[in-house]
N, C-alpha and C. Protein backbone atom coordinates (compact mmCIF):
# COMPACT_ATOMS: atom_id res chain seq x y z
N UNK A 1 106.39 117.39 56.78
CA UNK A 1 105.81 116.54 57.80
C UNK A 1 106.28 115.09 57.67
N UNK A 2 106.45 114.60 56.48
CA UNK A 2 106.85 113.20 56.32
C UNK A 2 108.24 112.93 56.88
N UNK A 3 109.09 113.95 57.01
CA UNK A 3 110.42 113.74 57.57
C UNK A 3 110.38 113.45 59.07
N UNK A 4 109.27 113.77 59.72
CA UNK A 4 109.13 113.49 61.14
C UNK A 4 108.67 112.06 61.41
N UNK A 5 108.10 111.41 60.41
CA UNK A 5 107.60 110.05 60.61
C UNK A 5 108.67 109.09 61.11
N UNK A 6 109.85 109.05 60.50
CA UNK A 6 110.88 108.13 61.02
C UNK A 6 111.26 108.45 62.47
N UNK A 7 111.28 109.72 62.81
CA UNK A 7 111.62 110.11 64.18
C UNK A 7 110.56 109.61 65.15
N UNK A 8 109.31 109.73 64.77
CA UNK A 8 108.22 109.26 65.63
C UNK A 8 108.31 107.75 65.80
N UNK A 9 108.57 107.04 64.73
CA UNK A 9 108.70 105.58 64.80
C UNK A 9 109.86 105.20 65.72
N UNK A 10 110.98 105.90 65.60
CA UNK A 10 112.13 105.62 66.44
C UNK A 10 111.80 105.89 67.91
N UNK A 11 111.11 106.99 68.18
CA UNK A 11 110.74 107.32 69.56
C UNK A 11 109.84 106.25 70.17
N UNK A 12 108.83 105.81 69.42
CA UNK A 12 107.93 104.77 69.93
C UNK A 12 108.67 103.45 70.12
N UNK A 13 109.53 103.11 69.19
CA UNK A 13 110.30 101.87 69.31
C UNK A 13 111.21 101.91 70.53
N UNK A 14 111.84 103.05 70.76
CA UNK A 14 112.72 103.21 71.92
C UNK A 14 111.92 103.11 73.21
N UNK A 15 110.77 103.72 73.26
CA UNK A 15 109.92 103.66 74.46
C UNK A 15 109.50 102.22 74.73
N UNK A 16 109.14 101.50 73.69
CA UNK A 16 108.74 100.10 73.85
C UNK A 16 109.90 99.25 74.32
N UNK A 17 111.08 99.49 73.78
CA UNK A 17 112.27 98.73 74.18
C UNK A 17 112.62 99.02 75.63
N UNK A 18 112.52 100.27 76.04
CA UNK A 18 112.80 100.63 77.43
C UNK A 18 111.84 99.93 78.36
N UNK A 19 110.57 99.88 78.02
CA UNK A 19 109.58 99.19 78.86
C UNK A 19 109.88 97.69 78.92
N UNK A 20 110.27 97.12 77.80
CA UNK A 20 110.59 95.69 77.77
C UNK A 20 111.80 95.38 78.64
N UNK A 21 112.81 96.24 78.57
CA UNK A 21 114.01 96.04 79.39
C UNK A 21 113.66 96.15 80.86
N UNK A 22 112.83 97.12 81.23
CA UNK A 22 112.43 97.28 82.63
C UNK A 22 111.69 96.04 83.12
N UNK A 23 110.84 95.46 82.27
CA UNK A 23 110.11 94.27 82.67
C UNK A 23 111.01 93.06 82.84
N UNK A 24 112.13 93.05 82.13
CA UNK A 24 113.04 91.92 82.22
C UNK A 24 114.08 92.10 83.31
N UNK A 25 114.12 93.27 83.95
CA UNK A 25 115.09 93.52 85.01
C UNK A 25 114.85 92.54 86.15
N UNK A 26 115.91 91.98 86.71
CA UNK A 26 115.72 91.01 87.78
C UNK A 26 114.99 91.59 88.99
N UNK A 27 115.17 92.90 89.24
CA UNK A 27 114.48 93.51 90.37
C UNK A 27 112.97 93.46 90.17
N UNK A 28 112.53 93.66 88.94
CA UNK A 28 111.10 93.63 88.63
C UNK A 28 110.57 92.21 88.77
N UNK A 29 111.27 91.26 88.19
CA UNK A 29 110.82 89.86 88.23
C UNK A 29 110.78 89.34 89.66
N UNK A 30 111.81 89.62 90.44
CA UNK A 30 111.80 89.13 91.82
C UNK A 30 110.71 89.82 92.64
N UNK A 31 110.42 91.08 92.33
CA UNK A 31 109.30 91.75 93.00
C UNK A 31 107.97 91.10 92.67
N UNK A 32 107.81 90.72 91.43
CA UNK A 32 106.58 90.04 91.01
C UNK A 32 106.44 88.68 91.70
N UNK A 33 107.55 87.95 91.78
CA UNK A 33 107.51 86.65 92.46
C UNK A 33 107.17 86.81 93.94
N UNK A 34 107.77 87.78 94.59
CA UNK A 34 107.47 88.01 96.01
C UNK A 34 106.02 88.42 96.20
N UNK A 35 105.49 89.17 95.26
CA UNK A 35 104.08 89.56 95.34
C UNK A 35 103.18 88.32 95.25
N UNK A 36 103.51 87.42 94.33
CA UNK A 36 102.74 86.17 94.21
C UNK A 36 102.85 85.33 95.47
N UNK A 37 104.05 85.24 96.03
CA UNK A 37 104.25 84.49 97.27
C UNK A 37 103.44 85.13 98.39
N UNK A 38 103.47 86.45 98.46
CA UNK A 38 102.71 87.16 99.48
C UNK A 38 101.22 86.92 99.38
N UNK A 39 100.70 86.96 98.16
CA UNK A 39 99.26 86.71 97.95
C UNK A 39 98.90 85.28 98.35
N UNK A 40 99.75 84.34 97.98
CA UNK A 40 99.50 82.94 98.34
C UNK A 40 99.54 82.77 99.85
N UNK A 41 100.49 83.41 100.49
CA UNK A 41 100.61 83.34 101.94
C UNK A 41 99.40 83.95 102.62
N UNK A 42 98.89 85.04 102.08
CA UNK A 42 97.69 85.68 102.65
C UNK A 42 96.49 84.74 102.59
N UNK A 43 96.32 84.06 101.49
CA UNK A 43 95.21 83.10 101.36
C UNK A 43 95.35 82.01 102.42
N UNK A 44 96.55 81.48 102.56
CA UNK A 44 96.79 80.43 103.54
C UNK A 44 96.55 80.93 104.96
N UNK A 45 97.00 82.13 105.24
CA UNK A 45 96.81 82.72 106.55
C UNK A 45 95.35 82.93 106.89
N UNK A 46 94.57 83.36 105.93
CA UNK A 46 93.13 83.55 106.16
C UNK A 46 92.45 82.23 106.47
N UNK A 47 92.89 81.19 105.80
CA UNK A 47 92.29 79.87 106.07
C UNK A 47 92.67 79.38 107.47
N UNK A 48 93.92 79.57 107.86
CA UNK A 48 94.37 79.13 109.18
C UNK A 48 93.66 79.92 110.28
N UNK A 49 93.46 81.22 110.06
CA UNK A 49 92.81 82.07 111.07
C UNK A 49 91.29 81.90 111.10
N UNK A 50 90.76 81.19 110.12
CA UNK A 50 89.31 81.00 110.07
C UNK A 50 88.58 82.16 109.41
N UNK A 51 89.31 83.05 108.76
CA UNK A 51 88.69 84.18 108.06
C UNK A 51 88.13 83.74 106.71
N UNK A 52 88.49 82.56 106.32
CA UNK A 52 88.04 81.97 105.06
C UNK A 52 88.00 80.46 105.30
N UNK A 53 87.08 79.79 104.66
CA UNK A 53 86.96 78.34 104.84
C UNK A 53 88.24 77.64 104.37
N UNK A 54 88.65 76.65 105.13
CA UNK A 54 89.83 75.88 104.75
C UNK A 54 89.46 74.96 103.60
N UNK A 55 90.21 75.07 102.53
CA UNK A 55 90.03 74.20 101.36
C UNK A 55 91.39 73.63 101.00
N UNK A 56 91.53 72.34 101.14
CA UNK A 56 92.81 71.69 100.89
C UNK A 56 93.32 71.96 99.47
N UNK A 57 92.44 71.93 98.50
CA UNK A 57 92.86 72.16 97.11
C UNK A 57 93.44 73.56 96.94
N UNK A 58 92.81 74.55 97.56
CA UNK A 58 93.31 75.93 97.49
C UNK A 58 94.65 76.04 98.19
N UNK A 59 94.79 75.36 99.34
CA UNK A 59 96.05 75.38 100.07
C UNK A 59 97.17 74.77 99.23
N UNK A 60 96.90 73.64 98.62
CA UNK A 60 97.91 72.97 97.78
C UNK A 60 98.30 73.87 96.61
N UNK A 61 97.32 74.51 96.00
CA UNK A 61 97.60 75.42 94.87
C UNK A 61 98.48 76.58 95.32
N UNK A 62 98.14 77.21 96.45
CA UNK A 62 98.93 78.33 96.96
C UNK A 62 100.35 77.89 97.32
N UNK A 63 100.47 76.74 97.93
CA UNK A 63 101.78 76.23 98.30
C UNK A 63 102.63 75.88 97.07
N UNK A 64 101.99 75.37 96.05
CA UNK A 64 102.71 75.07 94.81
C UNK A 64 103.26 76.36 94.19
N UNK A 65 102.48 77.43 94.25
CA UNK A 65 102.96 78.72 93.76
C UNK A 65 104.19 79.16 94.55
N UNK A 66 104.13 79.04 95.86
CA UNK A 66 105.26 79.42 96.70
C UNK A 66 106.49 78.58 96.37
N UNK A 67 106.30 77.28 96.26
CA UNK A 67 107.41 76.37 95.96
C UNK A 67 108.05 76.71 94.62
N UNK A 68 107.22 76.91 93.61
CA UNK A 68 107.74 77.23 92.28
C UNK A 68 108.44 78.58 92.24
N UNK A 69 107.81 79.59 92.85
CA UNK A 69 108.36 80.95 92.80
C UNK A 69 109.67 81.06 93.57
N UNK A 70 109.73 80.48 94.75
CA UNK A 70 110.96 80.58 95.54
C UNK A 70 112.08 79.80 94.86
N UNK A 71 111.73 78.79 94.09
CA UNK A 71 112.73 78.04 93.34
C UNK A 71 113.42 78.88 92.28
N UNK A 72 112.74 79.87 91.75
CA UNK A 72 113.31 80.78 90.75
C UNK A 72 113.98 81.99 91.39
N UNK A 73 113.58 82.31 92.61
CA UNK A 73 113.87 83.59 93.24
C UNK A 73 115.36 83.90 93.38
N UNK A 74 116.15 82.99 93.91
CA UNK A 74 117.54 83.33 94.23
C UNK A 74 118.39 83.58 92.99
N UNK A 75 117.97 83.10 91.84
CA UNK A 75 118.72 83.35 90.61
C UNK A 75 118.54 84.79 90.12
N UNK A 76 117.65 85.53 90.76
CA UNK A 76 117.32 86.88 90.30
C UNK A 76 118.08 87.96 91.07
N UNK A 77 119.25 87.62 91.60
CA UNK A 77 120.06 88.57 92.35
C UNK A 77 121.49 88.63 91.80
N UNK A 78 121.62 88.87 90.49
CA UNK A 78 122.97 88.95 89.93
C UNK A 78 123.67 90.23 90.41
N UNK A 79 124.99 90.22 90.34
CA UNK A 79 125.74 91.43 90.64
C UNK A 79 125.20 92.56 89.76
N UNK A 80 125.09 93.73 90.33
CA UNK A 80 124.59 94.88 89.58
C UNK A 80 123.10 95.11 89.76
N UNK A 81 122.40 94.21 90.45
CA UNK A 81 120.96 94.40 90.65
C UNK A 81 120.66 94.80 92.10
N UNK A 82 121.66 95.35 92.75
CA UNK A 82 121.52 95.74 94.15
C UNK A 82 120.56 96.92 94.34
N UNK A 83 120.45 97.74 93.32
CA UNK A 83 119.61 98.93 93.41
C UNK A 83 118.73 99.01 92.16
N UNK A 84 117.81 99.95 92.20
CA UNK A 84 116.95 100.20 91.05
C UNK A 84 115.61 99.49 91.16
N UNK A 85 114.66 100.04 90.47
CA UNK A 85 113.31 99.46 90.39
C UNK A 85 112.69 99.25 91.78
N UNK A 86 112.97 100.17 92.69
CA UNK A 86 112.38 100.14 94.03
C UNK A 86 112.65 98.84 94.78
N UNK A 87 113.79 98.24 94.56
CA UNK A 87 114.14 97.00 95.26
C UNK A 87 114.31 97.25 96.75
N UNK A 88 113.91 96.29 97.53
CA UNK A 88 114.09 96.35 98.98
C UNK A 88 115.16 95.36 99.43
N UNK A 89 115.90 94.84 98.46
CA UNK A 89 116.96 93.89 98.76
C UNK A 89 118.09 94.59 99.51
N UNK A 90 118.52 93.99 100.61
CA UNK A 90 119.63 94.55 101.38
C UNK A 90 120.96 94.04 100.85
N UNK A 91 122.04 94.80 101.03
CA UNK A 91 123.37 94.36 100.58
C UNK A 91 123.77 92.99 101.14
N UNK A 92 123.20 92.60 102.26
CA UNK A 92 123.53 91.31 102.87
C UNK A 92 123.28 90.14 101.91
N UNK A 93 122.37 90.32 100.96
CA UNK A 93 122.09 89.24 99.99
C UNK A 93 123.36 88.89 99.24
N UNK A 94 124.10 89.90 98.82
CA UNK A 94 125.31 89.67 98.04
C UNK A 94 126.50 89.37 98.95
N UNK A 95 126.46 89.88 100.18
CA UNK A 95 127.55 89.64 101.13
C UNK A 95 127.47 88.23 101.72
N UNK A 96 126.25 87.72 101.89
CA UNK A 96 126.04 86.40 102.50
C UNK A 96 125.16 85.56 101.57
N UNK A 97 125.61 85.43 100.35
CA UNK A 97 124.82 84.77 99.30
C UNK A 97 124.38 83.35 99.70
N UNK A 98 125.29 82.56 100.25
CA UNK A 98 124.93 81.18 100.57
C UNK A 98 123.90 81.13 101.70
N UNK A 99 123.99 82.04 102.66
CA UNK A 99 123.00 82.09 103.74
C UNK A 99 121.63 82.49 103.18
N UNK A 100 121.62 83.45 102.27
CA UNK A 100 120.39 83.88 101.61
C UNK A 100 119.76 82.71 100.84
N UNK A 101 120.58 82.02 100.08
CA UNK A 101 120.09 80.88 99.31
C UNK A 101 119.57 79.77 100.22
N UNK A 102 120.19 79.60 101.39
CA UNK A 102 119.72 78.60 102.34
C UNK A 102 118.34 78.98 102.88
N UNK A 103 118.12 80.26 103.14
CA UNK A 103 116.79 80.71 103.58
C UNK A 103 115.73 80.36 102.54
N UNK A 104 116.05 80.59 101.27
CA UNK A 104 115.11 80.27 100.20
C UNK A 104 114.85 78.77 100.15
N UNK A 105 115.90 77.99 100.31
CA UNK A 105 115.74 76.53 100.31
C UNK A 105 114.91 76.09 101.51
N UNK A 106 115.13 76.73 102.65
CA UNK A 106 114.35 76.40 103.85
C UNK A 106 112.87 76.70 103.64
N UNK A 107 112.58 77.81 102.96
CA UNK A 107 111.18 78.12 102.67
C UNK A 107 110.59 77.09 101.72
N UNK A 108 111.33 76.74 100.70
CA UNK A 108 110.83 75.75 99.76
C UNK A 108 110.57 74.41 100.48
N UNK A 109 111.48 74.01 101.35
CA UNK A 109 111.31 72.77 102.11
C UNK A 109 110.08 72.85 103.02
N UNK A 110 109.93 73.98 103.72
CA UNK A 110 108.79 74.15 104.63
C UNK A 110 107.48 74.14 103.86
N UNK A 111 107.47 74.77 102.69
CA UNK A 111 106.26 74.80 101.86
C UNK A 111 105.94 73.40 101.33
N UNK A 112 106.96 72.62 101.01
CA UNK A 112 106.72 71.25 100.55
C UNK A 112 106.13 70.40 101.67
N UNK A 113 106.63 70.58 102.89
CA UNK A 113 106.08 69.84 104.03
C UNK A 113 104.63 70.25 104.27
N UNK A 114 104.37 71.55 104.18
CA UNK A 114 103.00 72.04 104.38
C UNK A 114 102.08 71.49 103.30
N UNK A 115 102.58 71.41 102.07
CA UNK A 115 101.76 70.88 100.98
C UNK A 115 101.44 69.41 101.20
N UNK A 116 102.37 68.69 101.78
CA UNK A 116 102.14 67.26 102.06
C UNK A 116 101.00 67.07 103.07
N UNK A 117 100.93 67.94 104.08
CA UNK A 117 99.91 67.77 105.12
C UNK A 117 98.61 68.53 104.83
N UNK A 118 98.62 69.40 103.84
CA UNK A 118 97.43 70.21 103.53
C UNK A 118 96.17 69.37 103.31
N UNK A 119 96.23 68.25 102.59
CA UNK A 119 95.03 67.46 102.38
C UNK A 119 94.43 66.87 103.68
N UNK A 120 95.21 66.81 104.74
CA UNK A 120 94.73 66.24 106.00
C UNK A 120 93.86 67.21 106.80
N UNK A 121 93.77 68.45 106.36
CA UNK A 121 92.89 69.40 107.03
C UNK A 121 93.63 70.52 107.75
N UNK A 122 92.84 71.46 108.21
CA UNK A 122 93.37 72.66 108.84
C UNK A 122 94.21 72.36 110.08
N UNK A 123 93.78 71.43 110.90
CA UNK A 123 94.51 71.12 112.13
C UNK A 123 95.91 70.60 111.85
N UNK A 124 96.04 69.79 110.83
CA UNK A 124 97.35 69.27 110.43
C UNK A 124 98.18 70.34 109.72
N UNK A 125 97.49 71.19 108.99
CA UNK A 125 98.18 72.19 108.18
C UNK A 125 98.70 73.38 109.00
N UNK A 126 97.95 73.82 109.99
CA UNK A 126 98.29 75.05 110.73
C UNK A 126 99.71 75.06 111.28
N UNK A 127 100.19 74.01 111.95
CA UNK A 127 101.57 74.05 112.46
C UNK A 127 102.62 74.16 111.34
N UNK A 128 102.36 73.50 110.23
CA UNK A 128 103.29 73.57 109.10
C UNK A 128 103.31 74.98 108.51
N UNK A 129 102.15 75.61 108.48
CA UNK A 129 102.06 76.99 107.99
C UNK A 129 102.80 77.94 108.93
N UNK A 130 102.67 77.72 110.22
CA UNK A 130 103.38 78.56 111.20
C UNK A 130 104.89 78.43 111.02
N UNK A 131 105.35 77.24 110.74
CA UNK A 131 106.78 77.03 110.49
C UNK A 131 107.22 77.80 109.25
N UNK A 132 106.41 77.78 108.23
CA UNK A 132 106.71 78.57 107.02
C UNK A 132 106.84 80.04 107.37
N UNK A 133 105.96 80.52 108.20
CA UNK A 133 105.98 81.93 108.60
C UNK A 133 107.27 82.31 109.30
N UNK A 134 107.78 81.42 110.13
CA UNK A 134 109.05 81.67 110.82
C UNK A 134 110.19 81.77 109.82
N UNK A 135 110.17 80.88 108.84
CA UNK A 135 111.22 80.89 107.82
C UNK A 135 111.16 82.18 107.01
N UNK A 136 109.97 82.58 106.62
CA UNK A 136 109.81 83.83 105.86
C UNK A 136 110.31 85.02 106.67
N UNK A 137 109.89 85.08 107.91
CA UNK A 137 110.26 86.19 108.77
C UNK A 137 111.76 86.30 108.96
N UNK A 138 112.44 85.17 109.14
CA UNK A 138 113.88 85.18 109.34
C UNK A 138 114.61 85.76 108.12
N UNK A 139 114.16 85.38 106.95
CA UNK A 139 114.80 85.89 105.73
C UNK A 139 114.52 87.38 105.56
N UNK A 140 113.29 87.78 105.79
CA UNK A 140 112.93 89.20 105.64
C UNK A 140 113.73 90.05 106.63
N UNK A 141 113.93 89.55 107.82
CA UNK A 141 114.66 90.29 108.85
C UNK A 141 116.10 90.57 108.40
N UNK A 142 116.73 89.59 107.82
CA UNK A 142 118.14 89.71 107.45
C UNK A 142 118.40 90.28 106.06
N UNK A 143 117.45 90.10 105.15
CA UNK A 143 117.77 90.40 103.75
C UNK A 143 116.81 91.36 103.04
N UNK A 144 115.80 91.87 103.71
CA UNK A 144 114.84 92.76 103.05
C UNK A 144 114.70 94.04 103.87
N UNK A 145 114.82 95.17 103.21
CA UNK A 145 114.64 96.46 103.88
C UNK A 145 113.16 96.66 104.22
N UNK A 146 112.93 97.28 105.33
CA UNK A 146 111.57 97.59 105.72
C UNK A 146 111.00 98.68 104.81
N UNK A 147 109.70 98.69 104.65
CA UNK A 147 109.07 99.75 103.85
C UNK A 147 109.27 101.08 104.55
N UNK A 148 109.57 102.08 103.74
CA UNK A 148 109.77 103.40 104.35
C UNK A 148 108.52 104.23 104.34
C-alpha cells in the first residue's frame, strides 16, 4: 500500500496544477472581467430605468470597475487563445486587433465621462450611460459570438 502513496500525491499535484493553469488561461480571465463589467452595467441600468434607487456612489463604483477591467481586457487576447474555455471571442479580434482595441478604449473613455457626471444625478448620468451602451453593443456585434 505504501508504494501507492507517491502516485496519489502525484495525481493530486497534477490535478491542482491543471486547475491553476486553467484559472490563469487568458480566456478564463477575460471571461471573469466581462462578467464583472456585465454585473456593473446591470446595476447602472437598473438605476437608470428606475428599478433601483439612483445612488451616485454606487454608480461611480460600478463605473470604476468597468474602467479598470476594460483597461486590462485587450491584453488577454494573445495568439493561441482563439479557442478553448468556452470563449465567445470571434476571429475578428485577431484579424482587426487595432479596431478591437479602439472599441475597448472607446468604452473606457465613455465610462470615464459617465463617471464624471454620475455625481450630478440620474438625469445627467442617463445620457452618458446610453452612450456607453452603444459602445458596448458595437463591440459585441463585431467581436463576440452570440450565445448558442
